[in-house]
Amino acid sequence: ILDRSTATGAADEGVMGVREVIEND
């Protein structure tokens, strides 16, 4: 999984963390 949100800085704009989304139930 490539985290584009981190690469573009969107992770700092309230986007949920990649693990939080991917590692669902």
mmCIF file of all heavy atoms, coordinates in Angstrom:
data_MODEL
# 
_entry.id   MODEL 
# 
loop_
_atom_site.group_PDB 
_atom_site.id 
_atom_site.type_symbol 
_atom_site.label_atom_id 
_atom_site.label_alt_id 
_atom_site.label_comp_id 
_atom_site.label_asym_id 
_atom_site.label_entity_id 
_atom_site.label_seq_id 
_atom_site.pdbx_PDB_ins_code 
_atom_site.Cartn_x 
_atom_site.Cartn_y 
_atom_site.Cartn_z 
_atom_site.occupancy 
_atom_site.B_iso_or_equiv 
_atom_site.pdbx_formal_charge 
_atom_site.auth_seq_id 
_atom_site.auth_comp_id 
_atom_site.auth_asym_id 
_atom_site.auth_atom_id 
_atom_site.pdbx_PDB_model_num 
ATOM 1   N N   . ILE A 1 1  ? 0.835   -1.191 0.000  1.00 0.00 ? 1  ILE A N   1 
ATOM 2   C CA  . ILE A 1 1  ? 0.000   0.000  0.000  1.00 0.00 ? 1  ILE A CA  1 
ATOM 3   C C   . ILE A 1 1  ? 0.880   1.255  0.000  1.00 0.00 ? 1  ILE A C   1 
ATOM 4   O O   . ILE A 1 1  ? 1.633   1.504  0.948  1.00 0.00 ? 1  ILE A O   1 
ATOM 5   C CB  . ILE A 1 1  ? -0.926  0.043  1.233  1.00 0.00 ? 1  ILE A CB  1 
ATOM 6   C CG1 . ILE A 1 1  ? -1.681  -1.283 1.422  1.00 0.00 ? 1  ILE A CG1 1 
ATOM 7   C CG2 . ILE A 1 1  ? -1.866  1.242  1.157  1.00 0.00 ? 1  ILE A CG2 1 
ATOM 8   C CD1 . ILE A 1 1  ? -2.618  -1.657 0.319  1.00 0.00 ? 1  ILE A CD1 1 
ATOM 9   N N   . LEU A 1 2  ? 0.755   2.053  -1.048 1.00 0.00 ? 2  LEU A N   1 
ATOM 10  C CA  . LEU A 1 2  ? 1.431   3.335  -1.157 1.00 0.00 ? 2  LEU A CA  1 
ATOM 11  C C   . LEU A 1 2  ? 0.520   4.399  -0.557 1.00 0.00 ? 2  LEU A C   1 
ATOM 12  O O   . LEU A 1 2  ? -0.624  4.558  -0.991 1.00 0.00 ? 2  LEU A O   1 
ATOM 13  C CB  . LEU A 1 2  ? 1.739   3.640  -2.626 1.00 0.00 ? 2  LEU A CB  1 
ATOM 14  C CG  . LEU A 1 2  ? 2.238   5.034  -2.969 1.00 0.00 ? 2  LEU A CG  1 
ATOM 15  C CD1 . LEU A 1 2  ? 3.478   5.406  -2.167 1.00 0.00 ? 2  LEU A CD1 1 
ATOM 16  C CD2 . LEU A 1 2  ? 2.506   5.135  -4.461 1.00 0.00 ? 2  LEU A CD2 1 
ATOM 17  N N   . ASP A 1 3  ? 1.008   5.118  0.428  1.00 0.00 ? 3  ASP A N   1 
ATOM 18  C CA  . ASP A 1 3  ? 0.215   6.136  1.119  1.00 0.00 ? 3  ASP A CA  1 
ATOM 19  C C   . ASP A 1 3  ? 0.368   7.488  0.417  1.00 0.00 ? 3  ASP A C   1 
ATOM 20  O O   . ASP A 1 3  ? 1.230   8.292  0.761  1.00 0.00 ? 3  ASP A O   1 
ATOM 21  C CB  . ASP A 1 3  ? 0.654   6.222  2.580  1.00 0.00 ? 3  ASP A CB  1 
ATOM 22  C CG  . ASP A 1 3  ? -0.193  7.180  3.397  1.00 0.00 ? 3  ASP A CG  1 
ATOM 23  O OD1 . ASP A 1 3  ? -1.069  7.850  2.818  1.00 0.00 ? 3  ASP A OD1 1 
ATOM 24  O OD2 . ASP A 1 3  ? 0.042   7.269  4.608  1.00 0.00 ? 3  ASP A OD2 1 
ATOM 25  N N   . ARG A 1 4  ? -0.474  7.721  -0.572 1.00 0.00 ? 4  ARG A N   1 
ATOM 26  C CA  . ARG A 1 4  ? -0.434  8.976  -1.323 1.00 0.00 ? 4  ARG A CA  1 
ATOM 27  C C   . ARG A 1 4  ? -0.781  10.165 -0.430 1.00 0.00 ? 4  ARG A C   1 
ATOM 28  O O   . ARG A 1 4  ? -0.253  11.261 -0.606 1.00 0.00 ? 4  ARG A O   1 
ATOM 29  C CB  . ARG A 1 4  ? -1.395  8.927  -2.509 1.00 0.00 ? 4  ARG A CB  1 
ATOM 30  C CG  . ARG A 1 4  ? -1.356  10.207 -3.341 1.00 0.00 ? 4  ARG A CG  1 
ATOM 31  C CD  . ARG A 1 4  ? -2.389  10.168 -4.473 1.00 0.00 ? 4  ARG A CD  1 
ATOM 32  N NE  . ARG A 1 4  ? -2.325  11.365 -5.274 1.00 0.00 ? 4  ARG A NE  1 
ATOM 33  C CZ  . ARG A 1 4  ? -2.964  12.492 -4.987 1.00 0.00 ? 4  ARG A CZ  1 
ATOM 34  N NH1 . ARG A 1 4  ? -3.712  12.585 -3.900 1.00 0.00 ? 4  ARG A NH1 1 
ATOM 35  N NH2 . ARG A 1 4  ? -2.865  13.549 -5.792 1.00 0.00 ? 4  ARG A NH2 1 
ATOM 36  N N   . SER A 1 5  ? -1.646  9.964  0.538  1.00 0.00 ? 5  SER A N   1 
ATOM 37  C CA  . SER A 1 5  ? -2.027  11.067 1.427  1.00 0.00 ? 5  SER A CA  1 
ATOM 38  C C   . SER A 1 5  ? -0.813  11.619 2.166  1.00 0.00 ? 5  SER A C   1 
ATOM 39  O O   . SER A 1 5  ? -0.678  12.827 2.336  1.00 0.00 ? 5  SER A O   1 
ATOM 40  C CB  . SER A 1 5  ? -3.100  10.610 2.424  1.00 0.00 ? 5  SER A CB  1 
ATOM 41  O OG  . SER A 1 5  ? -4.293  10.339 1.744  1.00 0.00 ? 5  SER A OG  1 
ATOM 42  N N   . THR A 1 6  ? 0.086   10.737 2.598  1.00 0.00 ? 6  THR A N   1 
ATOM 43  C CA  . THR A 1 6  ? 1.315   11.197 3.240  1.00 0.00 ? 6  THR A CA  1 
ATOM 44  C C   . THR A 1 6  ? 2.232   11.849 2.211  1.00 0.00 ? 6  THR A C   1 
ATOM 45  O O   . THR A 1 6  ? 2.833   12.895 2.470  1.00 0.00 ? 6  THR A O   1 
ATOM 46  C CB  . THR A 1 6  ? 2.039   10.023 3.942  1.00 0.00 ? 6  THR A CB  1 
ATOM 47  O OG1 . THR A 1 6  ? 1.212   9.585  5.021  1.00 0.00 ? 6  THR A OG1 1 
ATOM 48  C CG2 . THR A 1 6  ? 3.384   10.431 4.486  1.00 0.00 ? 6  THR A CG2 1 
ATOM 49  N N   . ALA A 1 7  ? 2.340   11.255 1.032  1.00 0.00 ? 7  ALA A N   1 
ATOM 50  C CA  . ALA A 1 7  ? 3.228   11.788 -0.007 1.00 0.00 ? 7  ALA A CA  1 
ATOM 51  C C   . ALA A 1 7  ? 2.850   13.204 -0.413 1.00 0.00 ? 7  ALA A C   1 
ATOM 52  O O   . ALA A 1 7  ? 3.716   14.025 -0.709 1.00 0.00 ? 7  ALA A O   1 
ATOM 53  C CB  . ALA A 1 7  ? 3.222   10.874 -1.229 1.00 0.00 ? 7  ALA A CB  1 
ATOM 54  N N   . THR A 1 8  ? 1.553   13.508 -0.401 1.00 0.00 ? 8  THR A N   1 
ATOM 55  C CA  . THR A 1 8  ? 1.089   14.828 -0.842 1.00 0.00 ? 8  THR A CA  1 
ATOM 56  C C   . THR A 1 8  ? 0.803   15.783 0.305  1.00 0.00 ? 8  THR A C   1 
ATOM 57  O O   . THR A 1 8  ? 0.430   16.927 0.072  1.00 0.00 ? 8  THR A O   1 
ATOM 58  C CB  . THR A 1 8  ? -0.192  14.688 -1.685 1.00 0.00 ? 8  THR A CB  1 
ATOM 59  O OG1 . THR A 1 8  ? -1.225  14.112 -0.873 1.00 0.00 ? 8  THR A OG1 1 
ATOM 60  C CG2 . THR A 1 8  ? 0.047   13.852 -2.921 1.00 0.00 ? 8  THR A CG2 1 
ATOM 61  N N   . GLY A 1 9  ? 0.955   15.318 1.543  1.00 0.00 ? 9  GLY A N   1 
ATOM 62  C CA  . GLY A 1 9  ? 0.689   16.171 2.698  1.00 0.00 ? 9  GLY A CA  1 
ATOM 63  C C   . GLY A 1 9  ? -0.758  16.179 3.128  1.00 0.00 ? 9  GLY A C   1 
ATOM 64  O O   . GLY A 1 9  ? -1.126  16.865 4.074  1.00 0.00 ? 9  GLY A O   1 
ATOM 65  N N   . ALA A 1 10 ? -1.616  15.415 2.465  1.00 0.00 ? 10 ALA A N   1 
ATOM 66  C CA  . ALA A 1 10 ? -3.032  15.380 2.831  1.00 0.00 ? 10 ALA A CA  1 
ATOM 67  C C   . ALA A 1 10 ? -3.243  14.745 4.197  1.00 0.00 ? 10 ALA A C   1 
ATOM 68  O O   . ALA A 1 10 ? -4.261  14.982 4.836  1.00 0.00 ? 10 ALA A O   1 
ATOM 69  C CB  . ALA A 1 10 ? -3.840  14.630 1.775  1.00 0.00 ? 10 ALA A CB  1 
ATOM 70  N N   . ALA A 1 11 ? -2.279  13.946 4.662  1.00 0.00 ? 11 ALA A N   1 
ATOM 71  C CA  . ALA A 1 11 ? -2.409  13.300 5.973  1.00 0.00 ? 11 ALA A CA  1 
ATOM 72  C C   . ALA A 1 11 ? -2.508  14.340 7.075  1.00 0.00 ? 11 ALA A C   1 
ATOM 73  O O   . ALA A 1 11 ? -3.070  14.082 8.133  1.00 0.00 ? 11 ALA A O   1 
ATOM 74  C CB  . ALA A 1 11 ? -1.222  12.370 6.219  1.00 0.00 ? 11 ALA A CB  1 
ATOM 75  N N   . ASP A 1 12 ? -1.979  15.527 6.812  1.00 0.00 ? 12 ASP A N   1 
ATOM 76  C CA  . ASP A 1 12 ? -2.043  16.600 7.798  1.00 0.00 ? 12 ASP A CA  1 
ATOM 77  C C   . ASP A 1 12 ? -3.337  17.397 7.699  1.00 0.00 ? 12 ASP A C   1 
ATOM 78  O O   . ASP A 1 12 ? -3.545  18.336 8.446  1.00 0.00 ? 12 ASP A O   1 
ATOM 79  C CB  . ASP A 1 12 ? -0.842  17.542 7.625  1.00 0.00 ? 12 ASP A CB  1 
ATOM 80  C CG  . ASP A 1 12 ? 0.473   16.844 7.878  1.00 0.00 ? 12 ASP A CG  1 
ATOM 81  O OD1 . ASP A 1 12 ? 0.485   15.889 8.676  1.00 0.00 ? 12 ASP A OD1 1 
ATOM 82  O OD2 . ASP A 1 12 ? 1.478   17.246 7.267  1.00 0.00 ? 12 ASP A OD2 1 
ATOM 83  N N   . GLU A 1 13 ? -4.205  17.024 6.781  1.00 0.00 ? 13 GLU A N   1 
ATOM 84  C CA  . GLU A 1 13 ? -5.437  17.777 6.543  1.00 0.00 ? 13 GLU A CA  1 
ATOM 85  C C   . GLU A 1 13 ? -6.675  17.034 7.031  1.00 0.00 ? 13 GLU A C   1 
ATOM 86  O O   . GLU A 1 13 ? -7.754  17.166 6.474  1.00 0.00 ? 13 GLU A O   1 
ATOM 87  C CB  . GLU A 1 13 ? -5.564  18.077 5.049  1.00 0.00 ? 13 GLU A CB  1 
ATOM 88  C CG  . GLU A 1 13 ? -4.419  18.924 4.518  1.00 0.00 ? 13 GLU A CG  1 
ATOM 89  C CD  . GLU A 1 13 ? -4.430  19.053 3.007  1.00 0.00 ? 13 GLU A CD  1 
ATOM 90  O OE1 . GLU A 1 13 ? -5.419  18.638 2.376  1.00 0.00 ? 13 GLU A OE1 1 
ATOM 91  O OE2 . GLU A 1 13 ? -3.446  19.561 2.469  1.00 0.00 ? 13 GLU A OE2 1 
ATOM 92  N N   . GLY A 1 14 ? -6.516  16.197 8.044  1.00 0.00 ? 14 GLY A N   1 
ATOM 93  C CA  . GLY A 1 14 ? -7.657  15.513 8.617  1.00 0.00 ? 14 GLY A CA  1 
ATOM 94  C C   . GLY A 1 14 ? -8.001  14.199 7.963  1.00 0.00 ? 14 GLY A C   1 
ATOM 95  O O   . GLY A 1 14 ? -9.019  13.597 8.284  1.00 0.00 ? 14 GLY A O   1 
ATOM 96  N N   . VAL A 1 15 ? -7.191  13.724 7.033  1.00 0.00 ? 15 VAL A N   1 
ATOM 97  C CA  . VAL A 1 15 ? -7.425  12.428 6.406  1.00 0.00 ? 15 VAL A CA  1 
ATOM 98  C C   . VAL A 1 15 ? -7.093  11.347 7.427  1.00 0.00 ? 15 VAL A C   1 
ATOM 99  O O   . VAL A 1 15 ? -6.113  11.440 8.161  1.00 0.00 ? 15 VAL A O   1 
ATOM 100 C CB  . VAL A 1 15 ? -6.546  12.279 5.135  1.00 0.00 ? 15 VAL A CB  1 
ATOM 101 C CG1 . VAL A 1 15 ? -6.633  10.883 4.570  1.00 0.00 ? 15 VAL A CG1 1 
ATOM 102 C CG2 . VAL A 1 15 ? -6.966  13.307 4.102  1.00 0.00 ? 15 VAL A CG2 1 
ATOM 103 N N   . MET A 1 16 ? -7.914  10.319 7.473  1.00 0.00 ? 16 MET A N   1 
ATOM 104 C CA  . MET A 1 16 ? -7.654  9.207  8.390  1.00 0.00 ? 16 MET A CA  1 
ATOM 105 C C   . MET A 1 16 ? -6.343  8.523  8.019  1.00 0.00 ? 16 MET A C   1 
ATOM 106 O O   . MET A 1 16 ? -5.944  8.519  6.857  1.00 0.00 ? 16 MET A O   1 
ATOM 107 C CB  . MET A 1 16 ? -8.797  8.195  8.329  1.00 0.00 ? 16 MET A CB  1 
ATOM 108 C CG  . MET A 1 16 ? -10.106 8.724  8.879  1.00 0.00 ? 16 MET A CG  1 
ATOM 109 S SD  . MET A 1 16 ? -11.524 7.634  8.554  1.00 0.00 ? 16 MET A SD  1 
ATOM 110 C CE  . MET A 1 16 ? -11.005 6.099  9.237  1.00 0.00 ? 16 MET A CE  1 
ATOM 111 N N   . GLY A 1 17 ? -5.692  7.935  8.988  1.00 0.00 ? 17 GLY A N   1 
ATOM 112 C CA  . GLY A 1 17 ? -4.447  7.218  8.739  1.00 0.00 ? 17 GLY A CA  1 
ATOM 113 C C   . GLY A 1 17 ? -4.671  5.978  7.900  1.00 0.00 ? 17 GLY A C   1 
ATOM 114 O O   . GLY A 1 17 ? -5.714  5.337  7.973  1.00 0.00 ? 17 GLY A O   1 
ATOM 115 N N   . VAL A 1 18 ? -3.663  5.628  7.100  1.00 0.00 ? 18 VAL A N   1 
ATOM 116 C CA  . VAL A 1 18 ? -3.764  4.502  6.179  1.00 0.00 ? 18 VAL A CA  1 
ATOM 117 C C   . VAL A 1 18 ? -4.070  3.204  6.918  1.00 0.00 ? 18 VAL A C   1 
ATOM 118 O O   . VAL A 1 18 ? -4.922  2.427  6.493  1.00 0.00 ? 18 VAL A O   1 
ATOM 119 C CB  . VAL A 1 18 ? -2.500  4.397  5.295  1.00 0.00 ? 18 VAL A CB  1 
ATOM 120 C CG1 . VAL A 1 18 ? -1.260  4.140  6.113  1.00 0.00 ? 18 VAL A CG1 1 
ATOM 121 C CG2 . VAL A 1 18 ? -2.668  3.316  4.237  1.00 0.00 ? 18 VAL A CG2 1 
ATOM 122 N N   . ARG A 1 19 ? -3.400  2.960  8.023  1.00 0.00 ? 19 ARG A N   1 
ATOM 123 C CA  . ARG A 1 19 ? -3.648  1.710  8.759  1.00 0.00 ? 19 ARG A CA  1 
ATOM 124 C C   . ARG A 1 19 ? -5.058  1.682  9.347  1.00 0.00 ? 19 ARG A C   1 
ATOM 125 O O   . ARG A 1 19 ? -5.693  0.634  9.391  1.00 0.00 ? 19 ARG A O   1 
ATOM 126 C CB  . ARG A 1 19 ? -2.598  1.536  9.861  1.00 0.00 ? 19 ARG A CB  1 
ATOM 127 C CG  . ARG A 1 19 ? -1.256  1.109  9.343  1.00 0.00 ? 19 ARG A CG  1 
ATOM 128 C CD  . ARG A 1 19 ? -0.275  0.828  10.493 1.00 0.00 ? 19 ARG A CD  1 
ATOM 129 N NE  . ARG A 1 19 ? 0.960   0.278  10.008 1.00 0.00 ? 19 ARG A NE  1 
ATOM 130 C CZ  . ARG A 1 19 ? 2.021   0.985  9.674  1.00 0.00 ? 19 ARG A CZ  1 
ATOM 131 N NH1 . ARG A 1 19 ? 2.000   2.299  9.772  1.00 0.00 ? 19 ARG A NH1 1 
ATOM 132 N NH2 . ARG A 1 19 ? 3.119   0.385  9.240  1.00 0.00 ? 19 ARG A NH2 1 
ATOM 133 N N   . GLU A 1 20 ? -5.528  2.811  9.782  1.00 0.00 ? 20 GLU A N   1 
ATOM 134 C CA  . GLU A 1 20 ? -6.871  2.905  10.347 1.00 0.00 ? 20 GLU A CA  1 
ATOM 135 C C   . GLU A 1 20 ? -7.933  2.516  9.319  1.00 0.00 ? 20 GLU A C   1 
ATOM 136 O O   . GLU A 1 20 ? -8.915  1.855  9.650  1.00 0.00 ? 20 GLU A O   1 
ATOM 137 C CB  . GLU A 1 20 ? -7.101  4.344  10.833 1.00 0.00 ? 20 GLU A CB  1 
ATOM 138 C CG  . GLU A 1 20 ? -8.403  4.582  11.542 1.00 0.00 ? 20 GLU A CG  1 
ATOM 139 C CD  . GLU A 1 20 ? -8.549  6.018  12.015 1.00 0.00 ? 20 GLU A CD  1 
ATOM 140 O OE1 . GLU A 1 20 ? -7.638  6.839  11.816 1.00 0.00 ? 20 GLU A OE1 1 
ATOM 141 O OE2 . GLU A 1 20 ? -9.620  6.326  12.577 1.00 0.00 ? 20 GLU A OE2 1 
ATOM 142 N N   . VAL A 1 21 ? -7.715  2.881  8.070  1.00 0.00 ? 21 VAL A N   1 
ATOM 143 C CA  . VAL A 1 21 ? -8.674  2.560  7.009  1.00 0.00 ? 21 VAL A CA  1 
ATOM 144 C C   . VAL A 1 21 ? -8.484  1.128  6.513  1.00 0.00 ? 21 VAL A C   1 
ATOM 145 O O   . VAL A 1 21 ? -9.444  0.372  6.388  1.00 0.00 ? 21 VAL A O   1 
ATOM 146 C CB  . VAL A 1 21 ? -8.546  3.564  5.837  1.00 0.00 ? 21 VAL A CB  1 
ATOM 147 C CG1 . VAL A 1 21 ? -9.386  3.127  4.644  1.00 0.00 ? 21 VAL A CG1 1 
ATOM 148 C CG2 . VAL A 1 21 ? -8.959  4.951  6.303  1.00 0.00 ? 21 VAL A CG2 1 
ATOM 149 N N   . ILE A 1 22 ? -7.240  0.753  6.239  1.00 0.00 ? 22 ILE A N   1 
ATOM 150 C CA  . ILE A 1 22 ? -6.974  -0.562 5.646  1.00 0.00 ? 22 ILE A CA  1 
ATOM 151 C C   . ILE A 1 22 ? -7.244  -1.690 6.631  1.00 0.00 ? 22 ILE A C   1 
ATOM 152 O O   . ILE A 1 22 ? -7.840  -2.710 6.279  1.00 0.00 ? 22 ILE A O   1 
ATOM 153 C CB  . ILE A 1 22 ? -5.523  -0.652 5.122  1.00 0.00 ? 22 ILE A CB  1 
ATOM 154 C CG1 . ILE A 1 22 ? -5.228  0.453  4.114  1.00 0.00 ? 22 ILE A CG1 1 
ATOM 155 C CG2 . ILE A 1 22 ? -5.224  -2.037 4.555  1.00 0.00 ? 22 ILE A CG2 1 
ATOM 156 C CD1 . ILE A 1 22 ? -6.095  0.466  2.891  1.00 0.00 ? 22 ILE A CD1 1 
ATOM 157 N N   . GLU A 1 23 ? -6.817  -1.535 7.856  1.00 0.00 ? 23 GLU A N   1 
ATOM 158 C CA  . GLU A 1 23 ? -6.929  -2.618 8.834  1.00 0.00 ? 23 GLU A CA  1 
ATOM 159 C C   . GLU A 1 23 ? -8.295  -2.609 9.515  1.00 0.00 ? 23 GLU A C   1 
ATOM 160 O O   . GLU A 1 23 ? -8.420  -2.544 10.738 1.00 0.00 ? 23 GLU A O   1 
ATOM 161 C CB  . GLU A 1 23 ? -5.779  -2.532 9.834  1.00 0.00 ? 23 GLU A CB  1 
ATOM 162 C CG  . GLU A 1 23 ? -4.443  -2.766 9.150  1.00 0.00 ? 23 GLU A CG  1 
ATOM 163 C CD  . GLU A 1 23 ? -3.242  -2.591 10.057 1.00 0.00 ? 23 GLU A CD  1 
ATOM 164 O OE1 . GLU A 1 23 ? -3.410  -2.485 11.291 1.00 0.00 ? 23 GLU A OE1 1 
ATOM 165 O OE2 . GLU A 1 23 ? -2.116  -2.569 9.523  1.00 0.00 ? 23 GLU A OE2 1 
ATOM 166 N N   . ASN A 1 24 ? -9.324  -2.724 8.697  1.00 0.00 ? 24 ASN A N   1 
ATOM 167 C CA  . ASN A 1 24 ? -10.695 -2.767 9.215  1.00 0.00 ? 24 ASN A CA  1 
ATOM 168 C C   . ASN A 1 24 ? -11.038 -4.200 9.647  1.00 0.00 ? 24 ASN A C   1 
ATOM 169 O O   . ASN A 1 24 ? -10.237 -5.116 9.482  1.00 0.00 ? 24 ASN A O   1 
ATOM 170 C CB  . ASN A 1 24 ? -11.667 -2.233 8.159  1.00 0.00 ? 24 ASN A CB  1 
ATOM 171 C CG  . ASN A 1 24 ? -11.627 -3.037 6.887  1.00 0.00 ? 24 ASN A CG  1 
ATOM 172 O OD1 . ASN A 1 24 ? -11.794 -4.258 6.889  1.00 0.00 ? 24 ASN A OD1 1 
ATOM 173 N ND2 . ASN A 1 24 ? -11.390 -2.349 5.768  1.00 0.00 ? 24 ASN A ND2 1 
ATOM 174 N N   . ASP A 1 25 ? -12.221 -4.384 10.194 1.00 0.00 ? 25 ASP A N   1 
ATOM 175 C CA  . ASP A 1 25 ? -12.610 -5.695 10.723 1.00 0.00 ? 25 ASP A CA  1 
ATOM 176 C C   . ASP A 1 25 ? -12.597 -6.794 9.659  1.00 0.00 ? 25 ASP A C   1 
ATOM 177 O O   . ASP A 1 25 ? -12.255 -7.941 9.964  1.00 0.00 ? 25 ASP A O   1 
ATOM 178 C CB  . ASP A 1 25 ? -13.992 -5.623 11.376 1.00 0.00 ? 25 ASP A CB  1 
ATOM 179 C CG  . ASP A 1 25 ? -13.973 -4.809 12.669 1.00 0.00 ? 25 ASP A CG  1 
ATOM 180 O OD1 . ASP A 1 25 ? -12.886 -4.650 13.257 1.00 0.00 ? 25 ASP A OD1 1 
ATOM 181 O OD2 . ASP A 1 25 ? -15.049 -4.340 13.083 1.00 0.00 ? 25 ASP A OD2 1 
# 
